[in-house]
Amino acid sequence: MTAAIETGLWELDPALSTVAIAHRTIWGMVTVKGTFTGVVGEGEVNADGTARGAVTLDAASLDTKNAKRDKHLRGSDFFDAENHPTIVFAVQNATARPDDTVEVTGQLTVRGITRPQTATAHITAAGTDAISITTEFTADRDQFGMEWNQLGMIRGLTTVTATLAFTRSPA
């Protein structure tokens, strides 16, 4: 499939979109997985085929299926959701390639700290009124002030996986 993506404004469909994280803990023996249930976003596809936009997560919506752990992750040791309620991936440029991939460059903001972030997205569906993409990238939590690491249990990178469905914005 070579995707033909329509120009114009697009809105993220939260019901069809997921953003999840996975991080190896306890000296690499256990992988903690979680999903952000609060996700919104928008984008614009330009006539030259490039795009820009943003995906915003509600930091307090992280669900790892463990209430005590979720409370700790939302607290000041990690996401500090009370003072920094959103996590934002602002796409500065996204360029579609002939192989249905999109090279994405942008800025990831977590805990009020912004760092450059790149990713390769895969177009899984594209039509006149809907676009779906998937992506996976890693982020270093230490770069965002999340340095809590009791007994050295938490090391390495966090994997972020997203399936994002966009629909054409009403004119």
Protein backbone atom coordinates (compact mmCIF):
# COMPACT_ATOMS: atom_id res chain seq x y z
CA MET A 1 0.00 0.00 0.00
CA THR A 2 1.33 3.41 -0.87
CA ALA A 3 -0.68 5.80 1.24
CA ALA A 4 -2.21 8.89 -0.27
CA ILE A 5 -2.83 11.23 2.61
CA GLU A 6 -5.19 14.13 2.11
CA THR A 7 -4.06 17.64 2.98
CA GLY A 8 -5.87 19.56 5.70
CA LEU A 9 -6.60 19.42 9.41
CA TRP A 10 -6.90 16.14 11.32
CA GLU A 11 -8.11 15.28 14.81
CA LEU A 12 -7.05 12.31 16.92
CA ASP A 13 -9.82 9.82 17.67
CA PRO A 14 -9.16 8.87 21.33
CA ALA A 15 -11.52 5.87 21.15
CA LEU A 16 -9.36 4.28 18.43
CA SER A 17 -5.96 5.40 19.75
CA THR A 18 -3.64 4.00 22.42
CA VAL A 19 -0.35 5.14 23.92
CA ALA A 20 1.47 2.63 26.11
CA ILE A 21 4.79 2.41 27.90
CA ALA A 22 6.96 -0.51 28.95
CA HIS A 23 9.97 -0.36 31.26
CA ARG A 24 12.17 -3.14 32.60
CA THR A 25 12.53 -2.95 36.40
CA ILE A 26 13.84 -5.01 39.30
CA TRP A 27 17.28 -5.30 37.69
CA GLY A 28 15.75 -6.18 34.31
CA MET A 29 13.72 -9.15 35.50
CA VAL A 30 10.23 -7.60 35.28
CA THR A 31 8.67 -5.37 32.63
CA VAL A 32 6.11 -2.87 33.90
CA LYS A 33 3.55 -1.97 31.25
CA GLY A 34 1.00 0.81 31.32
CA THR A 35 -1.45 2.66 29.10
CA PHE A 36 -2.45 6.30 29.12
CA THR A 37 -6.23 6.46 28.95
CA GLY A 38 -6.37 10.22 28.38
CA VAL A 39 -5.04 11.08 24.93
CA VAL A 40 -5.92 13.92 22.54
CA GLY A 41 -4.24 15.32 19.47
CA GLU A 42 -4.42 17.13 16.20
CA GLY A 43 -2.37 17.60 13.07
CA GLU A 44 -2.16 19.26 9.71
CA VAL A 45 -0.99 17.71 6.46
CA ASN A 46 0.51 20.27 4.09
CA ALA A 47 0.34 20.28 0.29
CA ASP A 48 4.02 19.23 0.08
CA GLY A 49 3.22 16.03 2.02
CA THR A 50 4.79 17.13 5.30
CA ALA A 51 2.81 17.31 8.51
CA ARG A 52 2.93 18.85 11.97
CA GLY A 53 0.80 18.46 15.07
CA ALA A 54 0.76 17.28 18.67
CA VAL A 55 -0.34 14.37 20.81
CA THR A 56 -1.11 15.21 24.44
CA LEU A 57 -1.42 12.67 27.25
CA ASP A 58 -3.09 13.17 30.61
CA ALA A 59 -0.18 12.20 32.91
CA ALA A 60 -2.58 11.13 35.68
CA SER A 61 -4.34 8.71 33.32
CA LEU A 62 -1.48 6.16 33.32
CA ASP A 63 -2.88 2.74 34.22
CA THR A 64 -0.50 -0.15 34.99
CA LYS A 65 -3.23 -2.28 36.63
CA ASN A 66 -1.66 -1.68 40.07
CA ALA A 67 -3.21 1.22 42.03
CA LYS A 68 -0.29 1.62 44.47
CA ARG A 69 2.27 1.69 41.64
CA ASP A 70 0.10 4.06 39.58
CA LYS A 71 -0.10 6.48 42.51
CA HIS A 72 3.70 6.41 42.84
CA LEU A 73 4.20 6.91 39.09
CA ARG A 74 1.84 9.90 39.12
CA GLY A 75 3.71 11.41 42.10
CA SER A 76 6.78 13.63 42.33
CA ASP A 77 9.29 10.75 41.93
CA PHE A 78 8.09 10.18 38.36
CA PHE A 79 5.51 12.10 36.29
CA ASP A 80 4.58 14.67 38.99
CA ALA A 81 1.11 14.85 37.44
CA GLU A 82 -0.14 17.39 39.97
CA ASN A 83 2.39 20.00 38.80
CA HIS A 84 2.78 18.75 35.22
CA PRO A 85 -0.61 17.34 34.18
CA THR A 86 0.25 16.73 30.53
CA ILE A 87 2.88 14.96 28.47
CA VAL A 88 3.19 16.39 24.97
CA PHE A 89 4.82 15.12 21.80
CA ALA A 90 4.88 18.14 19.48
CA VAL A 91 5.58 17.06 15.91
CA GLN A 92 7.63 19.72 14.15
CA ASN A 93 7.96 17.80 10.92
CA ALA A 94 6.66 14.50 9.62
CA THR A 95 7.61 13.40 6.13
CA ALA A 96 5.94 10.45 4.40
CA ARG A 97 8.18 8.02 2.53
CA PRO A 98 7.19 5.82 -0.45
CA ASP A 99 7.28 2.68 1.76
CA ASP A 100 4.37 3.88 3.96
CA THR A 101 6.65 5.04 6.75
CA VAL A 102 6.79 8.54 8.14
CA GLU A 103 9.95 10.08 9.56
CA VAL A 104 8.93 12.20 12.55
CA THR A 105 10.96 14.86 14.35
CA GLY A 106 9.62 16.77 17.28
CA GLN A 107 9.84 17.69 20.93
CA LEU A 108 8.78 15.49 23.85
CA THR A 109 7.79 17.35 27.02
CA VAL A 110 7.54 15.44 30.30
CA ARG A 111 7.51 17.10 33.76
CA GLY A 112 7.95 20.49 32.06
CA ILE A 113 11.25 19.38 30.48
CA THR A 114 11.43 19.37 26.68
CA ARG A 115 13.84 17.22 24.70
CA PRO A 116 14.16 16.46 20.96
CA GLN A 117 12.55 13.18 19.90
CA THR A 118 12.51 11.28 16.63
CA ALA A 119 10.45 8.30 15.57
CA THR A 120 9.52 6.29 12.53
CA ALA A 121 5.79 5.78 12.15
CA HIS A 122 4.09 3.22 9.93
CA ILE A 123 0.92 4.15 8.06
CA THR A 124 -1.50 1.26 8.58
CA ALA A 125 -4.53 2.84 6.88
CA ALA A 126 -5.12 6.00 4.90
CA GLY A 127 -8.19 7.39 3.21
CA THR A 128 -9.89 10.66 2.49
CA ASP A 129 -11.34 10.88 6.02
CA ALA A 130 -9.13 8.64 8.19
CA ILE A 131 -5.45 7.93 8.83
CA SER A 132 -4.01 5.34 11.21
CA ILE A 133 -0.36 5.10 12.19
CA THR A 134 1.71 3.05 14.61
CA THR A 135 5.07 3.90 16.12
CA GLU A 136 7.50 2.79 18.75
CA PHE A 137 10.42 4.73 20.21
CA THR A 138 12.46 4.86 23.39
CA ALA A 139 12.88 7.68 25.89
CA ASP A 140 15.37 8.05 28.72
CA ARG A 141 13.42 8.92 31.87
CA ASP A 142 16.53 10.45 33.49
CA GLN A 143 16.47 13.21 30.83
CA PHE A 144 13.08 14.28 32.18
CA GLY A 145 14.02 14.44 35.86
CA MET A 146 12.70 10.98 36.75
CA GLU A 147 15.80 9.81 38.58
CA TRP A 148 14.17 7.85 41.42
CA ASN A 149 15.87 4.47 41.45
CA GLN A 150 15.62 2.64 44.76
CA LEU A 151 18.46 0.10 45.09
CA GLY A 152 19.26 0.47 41.37
CA MET A 153 16.10 -1.44 40.39
CA ILE A 154 15.11 0.86 37.51
CA ARG A 155 17.59 1.33 34.70
CA GLY A 156 17.55 1.80 30.97
CA LEU A 157 15.12 3.22 28.50
CA THR A 158 11.33 3.30 28.46
CA THR A 159 9.64 2.02 25.31
CA VAL A 160 6.69 4.07 24.08
CA THR A 161 4.26 2.37 21.68
CA ALA A 162 1.42 4.26 20.02
CA THR A 163 -1.43 3.44 17.68
CA LEU A 164 -2.98 6.70 16.56
CA ALA A 165 -6.14 7.11 14.51
CA PHE A 166 -6.94 10.49 12.99
CA THR A 167 -10.12 11.68 11.31
CA ARG A 168 -10.55 14.72 9.11
CA SER A 169 -11.53 17.78 11.12
CA PRO A 170 -14.86 19.37 10.19
CA ALA A 171 -14.37 22.37 7.92
